[in-house]
PDB file of N, CA and C in Angstrom:
ATOM      1  N   MET A   1     106.770  84.224 106.491  1.00  0.00           N
ATOM      2  CA  MET A   1     106.630  84.455 107.962  1.00  0.00           C
ATOM      3  C   MET A   1     105.475  85.535 108.191  1.00  0.00           C
ATOM      4  N   VAL A   2     104.376  85.071 108.934  1.00  0.00           N
ATOM      5  CA  VAL A   2     103.530  86.009 109.387  1.00  0.00           C
ATOM      6  C   VAL A   2     103.289  85.996 110.742  1.00  0.00           C
ATOM      7  N   TRP A   3     102.529  87.045 111.402  1.00  0.00           N
ATOM      8  CA  TRP A   3     101.956  86.886 112.875  1.00  0.00           C
ATOM      9  C   TRP A   3     100.519  86.756 112.709  1.00  0.00           C
ATOM     10  N   ASP A   4     100.015  86.268 113.889  1.00  0.00           N
ATOM     11  CA  ASP A   4      98.663  86.135 113.901  1.00  0.00           C
ATOM     12  C   ASP A   4      97.802  87.376 114.463  1.00  0.00           C
ATOM     13  N   ASP A   5      97.019  87.973 113.750  1.00  0.00           N
ATOM     14  CA  ASP A   5      96.076  88.963 114.151  1.00  0.00           C
ATOM     15  C   ASP A   5      94.536  88.580 113.509  1.00  0.00           C
ATOM     16  N   GLY A   6      94.044  87.488 113.815  1.00  0.00           N
ATOM     17  CA  GLY A   6      92.780  87.047 113.381  1.00  0.00           C
ATOM     18  C   GLY A   6      92.664  86.983 111.776  1.00  0.00           C
ATOM     19  N   GLU A   7      91.663  87.765 111.243  1.00  0.00           N
ATOM     20  CA  GLU A   7      91.456  87.527 109.965  1.00  0.00           C
ATOM     21  C   GLU A   7      92.307  88.909 109.129  1.00  0.00           C
ATOM     22  N   ASN A   8      93.131  89.695 109.883  1.00  0.00           N
ATOM     23  CA  ASN A   8      94.035  90.702 109.096  1.00  0.00           C
ATOM     24  C   ASN A   8      95.196  90.186 108.457  1.00  0.00           C
ATOM     25  N   THR A   9      95.452  90.713 107.445  1.00  0.00           N
ATOM     26  CA  THR A   9      96.644  90.297 106.805  1.00  0.00           C
ATOM     27  C   THR A   9      98.138  90.865 107.219  1.00  0.00           C
ATOM     28  N   CYS A  10      98.829  90.053 107.740  1.00  0.00           N
ATOM     29  CA  CYS A  10     100.032  90.372 108.529  1.00  0.00           C
ATOM     30  C   CYS A  10     101.215  89.323 107.805  1.00  0.00           C
ATOM     31  N   GLY A  11     102.313  90.085 107.451  1.00  0.00           N
ATOM     32  CA  GLY A  11     103.437  89.416 107.113  1.00  0.00           C
ATOM     33  C   GLY A  11     104.608  90.305 106.537  1.00  0.00           C
ATOM     34  N   ASN A  12     105.440  89.614 105.824  1.00  0.00           N
ATOM     35  CA  ASN A  12     106.797  90.239 105.336  1.00  0.00           C
ATOM     36  C   ASN A  12     107.085  89.907 104.071  1.00  0.00           C
ATOM     37  N   ALA A  13     107.910  90.574 103.373  1.00  0.00           N
ATOM     38  CA  ALA A  13     108.469  90.237 102.211  1.00  0.00           C
ATOM     39  C   ALA A  13     109.739  89.394 102.293  1.00  0.00           C
ATOM     40  N   CYS A  14     110.717  89.738 102.702  1.00  0.00           N
ATOM     41  CA  CYS A  14     112.091  89.016 102.883  1.00  0.00           C
ATOM     42  C   CYS A  14     112.955  89.701 103.903  1.00  0.00           C
ATOM     43  N   PRO A  15     113.547  88.758 104.561  1.00  0.00           N
ATOM     44  CA  PRO A  15     114.617  89.306 105.676  1.00  0.00           C
ATOM     45  C   PRO A  15     115.856  89.708 104.974  1.00  0.00           C
ATOM     46  N   VAL A  16     116.569  90.618 105.767  1.00  0.00           N
ATOM     47  CA  VAL A  16     117.876  90.828 105.373  1.00  0.00           C
ATOM     48  C   VAL A  16     118.848  90.802 106.617  1.00  0.00           C
ATOM     49  N   VAL A  17     119.847  90.043 106.382  1.00  0.00           N
ATOM     50  CA  VAL A  17     120.673  89.655 107.509  1.00  0.00           C
ATOM     51  C   VAL A  17     122.116  90.298 107.268  1.00  0.00           C
ATOM     52  N   ASP A  18     122.489  91.067 108.314  1.00  0.00           N
ATOM     53  CA  ASP A  18     123.815  91.801 108.623  1.00  0.00           C
ATOM     54  C   ASP A  18     124.800  90.678 108.885  1.00  0.00           C
ATOM     55  N   GLN A  19     125.675  90.292 107.869  1.00  0.00           N
ATOM     56  CA  GLN A  19     126.756  89.295 107.816  1.00  0.00           C
ATOM     57  C   GLN A  19     127.648  89.348 109.185  1.00  0.00           C
ATOM     58  N   GLU A  20     127.946  90.599 109.406  1.00  0.00           N
ATOM     59  CA  GLU A  20     128.977  90.891 110.582  1.00  0.00           C
ATOM     60  C   GLU A  20     128.261  90.729 111.940  1.00  0.00           C
ATOM     61  N   SER A  21     127.185  91.207 112.142  1.00  0.00           N
ATOM     62  CA  SER A  21     126.455  91.142 113.461  1.00  0.00           C
ATOM     63  C   SER A  21     125.550  89.997 113.663  1.00  0.00           C
ATOM     64  N   GLY A  22     125.124  89.535 112.522  1.00  0.00           N
ATOM     65  CA  GLY A  22     124.049  88.423 112.528  1.00  0.00           C
ATOM     66  C   GLY A  22     122.571  89.057 112.940  1.00  0.00           C
ATOM     67  N   VAL A  23     122.567  90.198 112.813  1.00  0.00           N
ATOM     68  CA  VAL A  23     121.133  90.784 113.264  1.00  0.00           C
ATOM     69  C   VAL A  23     120.274  90.534 112.025  1.00  0.00           C
ATOM     70  N   ILE A  24     119.120  89.985 112.055  1.00  0.00           N
ATOM     71  CA  ILE A  24     118.238  89.750 111.034  1.00  0.00           C
ATOM     72  C   ILE A  24     117.094  91.062 111.072  1.00  0.00           C
ATOM     73  N   TRP A  25     117.082  91.781 109.847  1.00  0.00           N
ATOM     74  CA  TRP A  25     116.331  92.963 109.797  1.00  0.00           C
ATOM     75  C   TRP A  25     114.946  92.245 109.043  1.00  0.00           C
ATOM     76  N   LEU A  26     113.550  92.618 109.513  1.00  0.00           N
ATOM     77  CA  LEU A  26     112.607  92.003 108.604  1.00  0.00           C
ATOM     78  C   LEU A  26     111.602  93.165 108.646  1.00  0.00           C
ATOM     79  N   PRO A  27     111.194  93.532 107.255  1.00  0.00           N
ATOM     80  CA  PRO A  27     110.167  94.591 107.209  1.00  0.00           C
ATOM     81  C   PRO A  27     108.801  93.731 107.140  1.00  0.00           C
ATOM     82  N   MET A  28     107.900  94.133 107.720  1.00  0.00           N
ATOM     83  CA  MET A  28     106.543  93.486 107.773  1.00  0.00           C
ATOM     84  C   MET A  28     105.392  94.436 107.398  1.00  0.00           C
ATOM     85  N   THR A  29     104.366  94.058 106.993  1.00  0.00           N
ATOM     86  CA  THR A  29     103.237  94.923 106.673  1.00  0.00           C
ATOM     87  C   THR A  29     101.808  94.564 107.544  1.00  0.00           C
ATOM     88  N   TRP A  30     101.014  95.249 107.739  1.00  0.00           N
ATOM     89  CA  TRP A  30      99.575  94.891 108.162  1.00  0.00           C
ATOM     90  C   TRP A  30      98.589  95.586 107.330  1.00  0.00           C
ATOM     91  N   ASN A  31      97.470  95.016 107.247  1.00  0.00           N
ATOM     92  CA  ASN A  31      96.110  95.627 106.587  1.00  0.00           C
ATOM     93  C   ASN A  31      95.038  94.807 107.140  1.00  0.00           C
ATOM     94  N   LYS A  32      93.876  95.532 107.032  1.00  0.00           N
ATOM     95  CA  LYS A  32      92.645  94.765 107.405  1.00  0.00           C
ATOM     96  C   LYS A  32      92.422  93.747 106.134  1.00  0.00           C
ATOM     97  N   SER A  33      91.658  92.658 106.646  1.00  0.00           N
ATOM     98  CA  SER A  33      91.474  91.549 105.618  1.00  0.00           C
ATOM     99  C   SER A  33      90.634  91.878 104.540  1.00  0.00           C
ATOM    100  N   GLU A  34      89.618  92.824 104.819  1.00  0.00           N
ATOM    101  CA  GLU A  34      88.715  93.201 103.732  1.00  0.00           C
ATOM    102  C   GLU A  34      89.225  94.233 102.833  1.00  0.00           C
ATOM    103  N   ASP A  35      90.391  94.815 103.134  1.00  0.00           N
ATOM    104  CA  ASP A  35      90.965  95.819 102.326  1.00  0.00           C
ATOM    105  C   ASP A  35      91.960  95.126 101.242  1.00  0.00           C
ATOM    106  N   THR A  36      91.236  94.734 100.135  1.00  0.00           N
ATOM    107  CA  THR A  36      92.173  93.950  99.108  1.00  0.00           C
ATOM    108  C   THR A  36      93.176  95.039  98.458  1.00  0.00           C
ATOM    109  N   GLU A  37      94.240  94.253  97.780  1.00  0.00           N
ATOM    110  CA  GLU A  37      95.408  95.090  97.304  1.00  0.00           C
ATOM    111  C   GLU A  37      94.689  96.385  96.367  1.00  0.00           C
ATOM    112  N   ASP A  38      93.645  95.908  95.679  1.00  0.00           N
ATOM    113  CA  ASP A  38      93.161  97.012  94.821  1.00  0.00           C
ATOM    114  C   ASP A  38      92.564  98.183  95.460  1.00  0.00           C
ATOM    115  N   LYS A  39      92.117  97.939  96.602  1.00  0.00           N
ATOM    116  CA  LYS A  39      91.339  98.931  97.388  1.00  0.00           C
ATOM    117  C   LYS A  39      92.502  99.833  97.995  1.00  0.00           C
ATOM    118  N   ILE A  40      93.636  99.047  98.514  1.00  0.00           N
ATOM    119  CA  ILE A  40      94.736  99.686  99.257  1.00  0.00           C
ATOM    120  C   ILE A  40      95.433 100.640  98.033  1.00  0.00           C
ATOM    121  N   ILE A  41      95.763 100.213  97.000  1.00  0.00           N
ATOM    122  CA  ILE A  41      96.529 100.843  95.994  1.00  0.00           C
ATOM    123  C   ILE A  41      95.720 102.107  95.515  1.00  0.00           C
ATOM    124  N   ALA A  42      94.392 101.942  95.545  1.00  0.00           N
ATOM    125  CA  ALA A  42      93.639 103.194  95.040  1.00  0.00           C
ATOM    126  C   ALA A  42      93.338 104.050  96.205  1.00  0.00           C
ATOM    127  N   GLY A  43      93.722 103.758  97.485  1.00  0.00           N
ATOM    128  CA  GLY A  43      93.590 104.668  98.319  1.00  0.00           C
ATOM    129  C   GLY A  43      92.088 104.453  99.109  1.00  0.00           C
ATOM    130  N   GLU A  44      91.332 103.344  98.775  1.00  0.00           N
ATOM    131  CA  GLU A  44      89.955 103.350  99.216  1.00  0.00           C
ATOM    132  C   GLU A  44      89.889 102.296 100.236  1.00  0.00           C
ATOM    133  N   SER A  45      90.919 101.771 100.950  1.00  0.00           N
ATOM    134  CA  SER A  45      90.819 100.980 102.070  1.00  0.00           C
ATOM    135  C   SER A  45      90.312 101.558 103.336  1.00  0.00           C
ATOM    136  N   LYS A  46      89.735 100.778 104.141  1.00  0.00           N
ATOM    137  CA  LYS A  46      89.136 101.156 105.294  1.00  0.00           C
ATOM    138  C   LYS A  46      90.350 101.659 106.366  1.00  0.00           C
ATOM    139  N   GLN A  47      91.387 101.035 106.185  1.00  0.00           N
ATOM    140  CA  GLN A  47      92.379 101.632 106.965  1.00  0.00           C
ATOM    141  C   GLN A  47      93.679 101.332 106.104  1.00  0.00           C
ATOM    142  N   PRO A  48      94.857 102.340 106.320  1.00  0.00           N
ATOM    143  CA  PRO A  48      95.951 102.043 105.493  1.00  0.00           C
ATOM    144  C   PRO A  48      96.627 100.968 105.634  1.00  0.00           C
ATOM    145  N   ARG A  49      97.440 100.447 104.818  1.00  0.00           N
ATOM    146  CA  ARG A  49      98.607  99.444 104.997  1.00  0.00           C
ATOM    147  C   ARG A  49      99.548 100.099 105.791  1.00  0.00           C
ATOM    148  N   ARG A  50     100.219  99.349 106.774  1.00  0.00           N
ATOM    149  CA  ARG A  50     101.109  99.915 107.715  1.00  0.00           C
ATOM    150  C   ARG A  50     102.511  99.118 107.672  1.00  0.00           C
ATOM    151  N   PRO A  51     103.385  99.825 107.301  1.00  0.00           N
ATOM    152  CA  PRO A  51     104.927  98.946 107.325  1.00  0.00           C
ATOM    153  C   PRO A  51     105.528  99.015 108.740  1.00  0.00           C
ATOM    154  N   TYR A  52     106.061  98.036 109.039  1.00  0.00           N
ATOM    155  CA  TYR A  52     106.797  97.816 110.355  1.00  0.00           C
ATOM    156  C   TYR A  52     108.282  97.538 109.967  1.00  0.00           C
ATOM    157  N   LEU A  53     109.139  97.730 110.975  1.00  0.00           N
ATOM    158  CA  LEU A  53     110.571  97.185 110.992  1.00  0.00           C
ATOM    159  C   LEU A  53     110.777  96.252 111.932  1.00  0.00           C
ATOM    160  N   SER A  54     111.128  95.319 112.040  1.00  0.00           N
ATOM    161  CA  SER A  54     111.578  94.350 113.242  1.00  0.00           C
ATOM    162  C   SER A  54     112.811  93.863 113.063  1.00  0.00           C
ATOM    163  N   CYS A  55     113.465  93.303 114.097  1.00  0.00           N
ATOM    164  CA  CYS A  55     114.780  92.791 113.969  1.00  0.00           C
ATOM    165  C   CYS A  55     115.240  91.782 115.185  1.00  0.00           C
ATOM    166  N   SER A  56     115.907  90.881 114.789  1.00  0.00           N
ATOM    167  CA  SER A  56     116.237  89.552 115.902  1.00  0.00           C
ATOM    168  C   SER A  56     117.875  89.453 115.761  1.00  0.00           C
ATOM    169  N   SER A  57     118.242  89.139 116.975  1.00  0.00           N
ATOM    170  CA  SER A  57     119.699  88.999 117.240  1.00  0.00           C
ATOM    171  C   SER A  57     119.807  87.492 117.597  1.00  0.00           C
ATOM    172  N   ASP A  58     118.864  86.601 117.407  1.00  0.00           N
ATOM    173  CA  ASP A  58     119.062  85.185 117.996  1.00  0.00           C
ATOM    174  C   ASP A  58     118.497  84.300 116.896  1.00  0.00           C
ATOM    175  N   GLU A  59     118.841  84.798 115.678  1.00  0.00           N
ATOM    176  CA  GLU A  59     118.679  83.757 114.446  1.00  0.00           C
ATOM    177  C   GLU A  59     116.965  83.698 114.126  1.00  0.00           C
ATOM    178  N   GLY A  60     116.376  84.587 114.609  1.00  0.00           N
ATOM    179  CA  GLY A  60     114.932  84.875 114.431  1.00  0.00           C
ATOM    180  C   GLY A  60     113.871  83.964 115.370  1.00  0.00           C
ATOM    181  N   LYS A  61     114.864  83.515 116.484  1.00  0.00           N
ATOM    182  CA  LYS A  61     113.674  82.774 117.454  1.00  0.00           C
ATOM    183  C   LYS A  61     112.850  83.633 118.133  1.00  0.00           C
ATOM    184  N   THR A  62     113.096  85.024 118.385  1.00  0.00           N
ATOM    185  CA  THR A  62     112.439  85.969 118.970  1.00  0.00           C
ATOM    186  C   THR A  62     112.606  87.315 118.006  1.00  0.00           C
ATOM    187  N   TRP A  63     111.576  88.122 118.159  1.00  0.00           N
ATOM    188  CA  TRP A  63     111.594  89.624 117.474  1.00  0.00           C
ATOM    189  C   TRP A  63     111.223  90.565 118.505  1.00  0.00           C
ATOM    190  N   PRO A  64     112.171  90.908 119.412  1.00  0.00           N
ATOM    191  CA  PRO A  64     111.746  91.667 120.631  1.00  0.00           C
ATOM    192  C   PRO A  64     111.578  93.214 120.411  1.00  0.00           C
ATOM    193  N   VAL A  65     111.812  93.581 119.236  1.00  0.00           N
ATOM    194  CA  VAL A  65     111.545  95.067 118.751  1.00  0.00           C
ATOM    195  C   VAL A  65     110.851  95.243 117.600  1.00  0.00           C
ATOM    196  N   SER A  66     109.984  96.060 117.272  1.00  0.00           N
ATOM    197  CA  SER A  66     109.196  96.415 116.066  1.00  0.00           C
ATOM    198  C   SER A  66     108.801  97.796 116.103  1.00  0.00           C
ATOM    199  N   ARG A  67     108.837  98.504 115.164  1.00  0.00           N
ATOM    200  CA  ARG A  67     108.411  99.819 115.068  1.00  0.00           C
ATOM    201  C   ARG A  67     107.608 100.193 113.684  1.00  0.00           C
ATOM    202  N   LEU A  68     106.765 101.025 113.893  1.00  0.00           N
ATOM    203  CA  LEU A  68     106.013 101.475 112.784  1.00  0.00           C
ATOM    204  C   LEU A  68     106.737 102.522 111.830  1.00  0.00           C
ATOM    205  N   ILE A  69     106.974 102.315 110.869  1.00  0.00           N
ATOM    206  CA  ILE A  69     107.495 103.145 109.966  1.00  0.00           C
ATOM    207  C   ILE A  69     106.793 104.472 109.472  1.00  0.00           C
ATOM    208  N   TYR A  70     105.574 104.194 108.942  1.00  0.00           N
ATOM    209  CA  TYR A  70     104.601 105.276 108.547  1.00  0.00           C
ATOM    210  C   TYR A  70     103.090 104.819 109.026  1.00  0.00           C
ATOM    211  N   GLU A  71     102.471 105.818 109.171  1.00  0.00           N
ATOM    212  CA  GLU A  71     101.083 105.522 109.735  1.00  0.00           C
ATOM    213  C   GLU A  71      99.907 105.684 108.580  1.00  0.00           C
ATOM    214  N   GLN A  72     100.197 106.508 107.479  1.00  0.00           N
ATOM    215  CA  GLN A  72      99.307 106.707 106.611  1.00  0.00           C
ATOM    216  C   GLN A  72      99.312 105.603 105.313  1.00  0.00           C
ATOM    217  N   HIS A  73      98.645 105.589 104.372  1.00  0.00           N
ATOM    218  CA  HIS A  73      98.758 104.820 103.186  1.00  0.00           C
ATOM    219  C   HIS A  73     100.203 104.607 102.793  1.00  0.00           C
ATOM    220  N   SER A  74     100.674 103.360 103.004  1.00  0.00           N
ATOM    221  CA  SER A  74     102.191 103.310 102.430  1.00  0.00           C
ATOM    222  C   SER A  74     102.315 101.736 102.232  1.00  0.00           C
ATOM    223  N   ASP A  75     103.637 101.410 101.672  1.00  0.00           N
ATOM    224  CA  ASP A  75     103.794  99.969 101.420  1.00  0.00           C
ATOM    225  C   ASP A  75     105.346  99.700 101.307  1.00  0.00           C
ATOM    226  N   TYR A  76     105.783  98.662 101.796  1.00  0.00           N
ATOM    227  CA  TYR A  76     107.288  98.441 101.855  1.00  0.00           C
ATOM    228  C   TYR A  76     107.664  98.090 100.494  1.00  0.00           C
ATOM    229  N   SER A  77     109.023  98.491 100.013  1.00  0.00           N
ATOM    230  CA  SER A  77     109.427  98.168  98.700  1.00  0.00           C
ATOM    231  C   SER A  77     110.691  97.263  98.926  1.00  0.00           C
ATOM    232  N   CYS A  78     111.725  97.978  99.266  1.00  0.00           N
ATOM    233  CA  CYS A  78     113.150  97.087  99.565  1.00  0.00           C
ATOM    234  C   CYS A  78     113.713  97.695 100.545  1.00  0.00           C
ATOM    235  N   LEU A  79     114.650  96.654 101.100  1.00  0.00           N
ATOM    236  CA  LEU A  79     115.517  96.922 102.358  1.00  0.00           C
ATOM    237  C   LEU A  79     116.986  96.542 101.915  1.00  0.00           C
ATOM    238  N   THR A  80     117.858  97.354 102.720  1.00  0.00           N
ATOM    239  CA  THR A  80     119.288  96.964 102.674  1.00  0.00           C
ATOM    240  C   THR A  80     119.985  97.440 103.873  1.00  0.00           C
ATOM    241  N   VAL A  81     120.897  96.623 104.192  1.00  0.00           N
ATOM    242  CA  VAL A  81     121.995  97.194 105.030  1.00  0.00           C
ATOM    243  C   VAL A  81     123.045  97.968 104.530  1.00  0.00           C
ATOM    244  N   LEU A  82     123.003  99.401 104.974  1.00  0.00           N
ATOM    245  CA  LEU A  82     123.966 100.335 104.633  1.00  0.00           C
ATOM    246  C   LEU A  82     125.507 100.113 105.219  1.00  0.00           C
ATOM    247  N   PRO A  83     126.523 100.619 104.537  1.00  0.00           N
ATOM    248  CA  PRO A  83     127.869 100.380 105.067  1.00  0.00           C
ATOM    249  C   PRO A  83     128.147 100.825 106.566  1.00  0.00           C
ATOM    250  N   ASP A  84     127.382 101.630 107.041  1.00  0.00           N
ATOM    251  CA  ASP A  84     127.442 102.110 108.518  1.00  0.00           C
ATOM    252  C   ASP A  84     126.494 101.211 109.359  1.00  0.00           C
ATOM    253  N   LYS A  85     126.099 100.258 108.856  1.00  0.00           N
ATOM    254  CA  LYS A  85     125.096  99.355 109.609  1.00  0.00           C
ATOM    255  C   LYS A  85     123.702  99.804 109.992  1.00  0.00           C
ATOM    256  N   SER A  86     123.433 100.951 109.350  1.00  0.00           N
ATOM    257  CA  SER A  86     122.068 101.553 109.421  1.00  0.00           C
ATOM    258  C   SER A  86     121.093 100.608 108.213  1.00  0.00           C
ATOM    259  N   ILE A  87     120.029 100.825 108.453  1.00  0.00           N
ATOM    260  CA  ILE A  87     119.060 100.182 107.419  1.00  0.00           C
ATOM    261  C   ILE A  87     118.475 101.257 106.597  1.00  0.00           C
ATOM    262  N   GLY A  88     118.529 100.854 105.288  1.00  0.00           N
ATOM    263  CA  GLY A  88     117.859 101.840 104.275  1.00  0.00           C
ATOM    264  C   GLY A  88     116.739 101.039 103.691  1.00  0.00           C
ATOM    265  N   ILE A  89     115.489 101.734 103.788  1.00  0.00           N
ATOM    266  CA  ILE A  89     114.316 101.333 103.157  1.00  0.00           C
ATOM    267  C   ILE A  89     113.765 102.271 102.287  1.00  0.00           C
ATOM    268  N   TYR A  90     112.986 101.615 101.101  1.00  0.00           N
ATOM    269  CA  TYR A  90     112.579 102.270 100.141  1.00  0.00           C
ATOM    270  C   TYR A  90     111.154 101.861 100.093  1.00  0.00           C
ATOM    271  N   TYR A  91     110.039 102.869 100.114  1.00  0.00           N
ATOM    272  CA  TYR A  91     108.919 102.690 100.202  1.00  0.00           C
ATOM    273  C   TYR A  91     107.792 103.736  99.721  1.00  0.00           C
ATOM    274  N   GLY A  92     106.568 103.288  99.284  1.00  0.00           N
ATOM    275  CA  GLY A  92     105.680 104.159  98.939  1.00  0.00           C
ATOM    276  C   GLY A  92     104.879 104.855 100.018  1.00  0.00           C
ATOM    277  N   ARG A  93     104.493 106.047  99.889  1.00  0.00           N
ATOM    278  CA  ARG A  93     103.661 106.618 100.870  1.00  0.00           C
ATOM    279  C   ARG A  93     102.784 107.588 100.382  1.00  0.00           C
ATOM    280  N   ASP A  94     101.709 108.022 101.244  1.00  0.00           N
ATOM    281  CA  ASP A  94     100.741 109.025 101.046  1.00  0.00           C
ATOM    282  C   ASP A  94      99.900 108.657  99.690  1.00  0.00           C
ATOM    283  N   LYS A  95      99.239 107.418  99.866  1.00  0.00           N
ATOM    284  CA  LYS A  95      98.601 106.835  98.844  1.00  0.00           C
ATOM    285  C   LYS A  95      99.300 106.446  97.474  1.00  0.00           C
ATOM    286  N   TYR A  96     100.638 106.151  97.924  1.00  0.00           N
ATOM    287  CA  TYR A  96     101.680 105.785  96.875  1.00  0.00           C
ATOM    288  C   TYR A  96     101.990 106.869  95.817  1.00  0.00           C
ATOM    289  N   SER A  97     101.665 108.169  96.211  1.00  0.00           N
ATOM    290  CA  SER A  97     102.085 109.227  95.508  1.00  0.00           C
ATOM    291  C   SER A  97     103.464 109.651  95.472  1.00  0.00           C
ATOM    292  N   LYS A  98     104.155 109.344  96.586  1.00  0.00           N
ATOM    293  CA  LYS A  98     105.594 109.460  96.895  1.00  0.00           C
ATOM    294  C   LYS A  98     106.493 108.399  97.087  1.00  0.00           C
ATOM    295  N   LEU A  99     107.618 108.245  96.500  1.00  0.00           N
ATOM    296  CA  LEU A  99     108.377 107.140  96.808  1.00  0.00           C
ATOM    297  C   LEU A  99     109.447 107.713  97.658  1.00  0.00           C
ATOM    298  N   THR A 100     109.864 107.099  98.924  1.00  0.00           N
ATOM    299  CA  THR A 100     110.679 107.632  99.833  1.00  0.00           C
ATOM    300  C   THR A 100     111.726 106.470 100.322  1.00  0.00           C
ATOM    301  N   PHE A 101     112.954 107.173 100.360  1.00  0.00           N
ATOM    302  CA  PHE A 101     114.111 106.308 100.934  1.00  0.00           C
ATOM    303  C   PHE A 101     114.387 106.786 102.308  1.00  0.00           C
ATOM    304  N   ALA A 102     114.217 105.940 103.237  1.00  0.00           N
ATOM    305  CA  ALA A 102     114.438 106.294 104.722  1.00  0.00           C
ATOM    306  C   ALA A 102     115.602 105.565 105.208  1.00  0.00           C
ATOM    307  N   ARG A 103     116.199 106.008 106.115  1.00  0.00           N
ATOM    308  CA  ARG A 103     117.399 105.436 106.927  1.00  0.00           C
ATOM    309  C   ARG A 103     117.065 105.195 108.374  1.00  0.00           C
ATOM    310  N   PHE A 104     117.245 104.159 109.034  1.00  0.00           N
ATOM    311  CA  PHE A 104     117.035 103.598 110.226  1.00  0.00           C
ATOM    312  C   PHE A 104     117.974 103.061 110.909  1.00  0.00           C
ATOM    313  N   THR A 105     118.353 103.395 112.252  1.00  0.00           N
ATOM    314  CA  THR A 105     119.280 102.808 112.868  1.00  0.00           C
ATOM    315  C   THR A 105     118.867 101.870 114.004  1.00  0.00           C
ATOM    316  N   LEU A 106     119.869 100.894 114.516  1.00  0.00           N
ATOM    317  CA  LEU A 106     119.306 100.067 115.507  1.00  0.00           C
ATOM    318  C   LEU A 106     118.879 100.840 116.839  1.00  0.00           C
ATOM    319  N   GLN A 107     119.394 101.890 117.044  1.00  0.00           N
ATOM    320  CA  GLN A 107     119.222 102.494 118.207  1.00  0.00           C
ATOM    321  C   GLN A 107     117.816 103.152 118.091  1.00  0.00           C
ATOM    322  N   TRP A 108     117.425 103.601 116.959  1.00  0.00           N
ATOM    323  CA  TRP A 108     116.029 103.986 116.638  1.00  0.00           C
ATOM    324  C   TRP A 108     114.900 102.924 116.822  1.00  0.00           C
ATOM    325  N   LEU A 109     115.306 101.690 116.287  1.00  0.00           N
ATOM    326  CA  LEU A 109     114.440 100.644 116.233  1.00  0.00           C
ATOM    327  C   LEU A 109     114.283 100.134 117.748  1.00  0.00           C
ATOM    328  N   SER A 110     115.416 100.030 118.603  1.00  0.00           N
ATOM    329  CA  SER A 110     115.392  99.647 119.753  1.00  0.00           C
ATOM    330  C   SER A 110     114.971 100.557 120.881  1.00  0.00           C
ATOM    331  N   ARG A 111     114.705 101.875 120.439  1.00  0.00           N
ATOM    332  CA  ARG A 111     114.343 102.946 121.154  1.00  0.00           C
ATOM    333  C   ARG A 111     115.559 103.196 122.200  1.00  0.00           C
ATOM    334  N   GLY A 112     116.699 103.312 121.823  1.00  0.00           N
ATOM    335  CA  GLY A 112     117.973 103.744 122.422  1.00  0.00           C
ATOM    336  C   GLY A 112     118.537 102.753 123.159  1.00  0.00           C
ATOM    337  N   GLN A 113     118.314 101.437 122.868  1.00  0.00           N
ATOM    338  CA  GLN A 113     118.992 100.289 123.464  1.00  0.00           C
ATOM    339  C   GLN A 113     120.062  99.952 122.627  1.00  0.00           C
ATOM    340  N   ASP A 114     121.172  99.381 123.396  1.00  0.00           N
ATOM    341  CA  ASP A 114     122.419  99.011 122.462  1.00  0.00           C
ATOM    342  C   ASP A 114     122.232  97.751 121.746  1.00  0.00           C
ATOM    343  N   SER A 115     121.207  96.999 122.142  1.00  0.00           N
ATOM    344  CA  SER A 115     120.894  95.640 121.381  1.00  0.00           C
ATOM    345  C   SER A 115     119.458  95.389 121.223  1.00  0.00           C
ATOM    346  N   VAL A 116     119.290  94.342 120.536  1.00  0.00           N
ATOM    347  CA  VAL A 116     117.853  93.878 120.503  1.00  0.00           C
ATOM    348  C   VAL A 116     117.641  92.551 121.022  1.00  0.00           C
ATOM    349  N   ARG A 117     118.362  92.072 122.112  1.00  0.00           N
ATOM    350  CA  ARG A 117     118.324  90.838 122.665  1.00  0.00           C
ATOM    351  C   ARG A 117     116.875  90.815 123.472  1.00  0.00           C
ATOM    352  N   ALA A 118     116.314  89.596 123.365  1.00  0.00           N
ATOM    353  CA  ALA A 118     115.124  89.417 124.128  1.00  0.00           C
ATOM    354  C   ALA A 118     115.403  89.110 125.640  1.00  0.00           C
ATOM    355  N   ASP A 119     114.319  89.517 126.363  1.00  0.00           N
ATOM    356  CA  ASP A 119     114.408  89.233 127.727  1.00  0.00           C
ATOM    357  C   ASP A 119     114.553  87.802 128.029  1.00  0.00           C
ATOM    358  N   ARG A 120     115.392  87.375 128.820  1.00  0.00           N
ATOM    359  CA  ARG A 120     115.457  86.097 129.203  1.00  0.00           C
ATOM    360  C   ARG A 120     115.109  85.582 130.440  1.00  0.00           C
TER     361      ARG A 120
END
């Protein structure tokens, strides 16, 4: 799955589905098309790769909310639904010199809303 941003590289690794709520969590990344993987990893890219977290509550028909996880050089690694229904994400940051585990809630992702339903 990708989104259209002209020549830039946009996409995701793999969605995670919360079996109880049906919410689909989708990590995605964005980077400039001329910034190759080698340049990104070496910290020589024109712009950093940016990881985002999105979710859908309608089986992936819409993705009404998406938030930037980290603004500097970073990369998504893995994602899991935690027992309290928050999301755990493991990613590299600061030109890949630090591995970070972060926890996000639906309230953080939806900016305080109780759901991620798309406007109808």
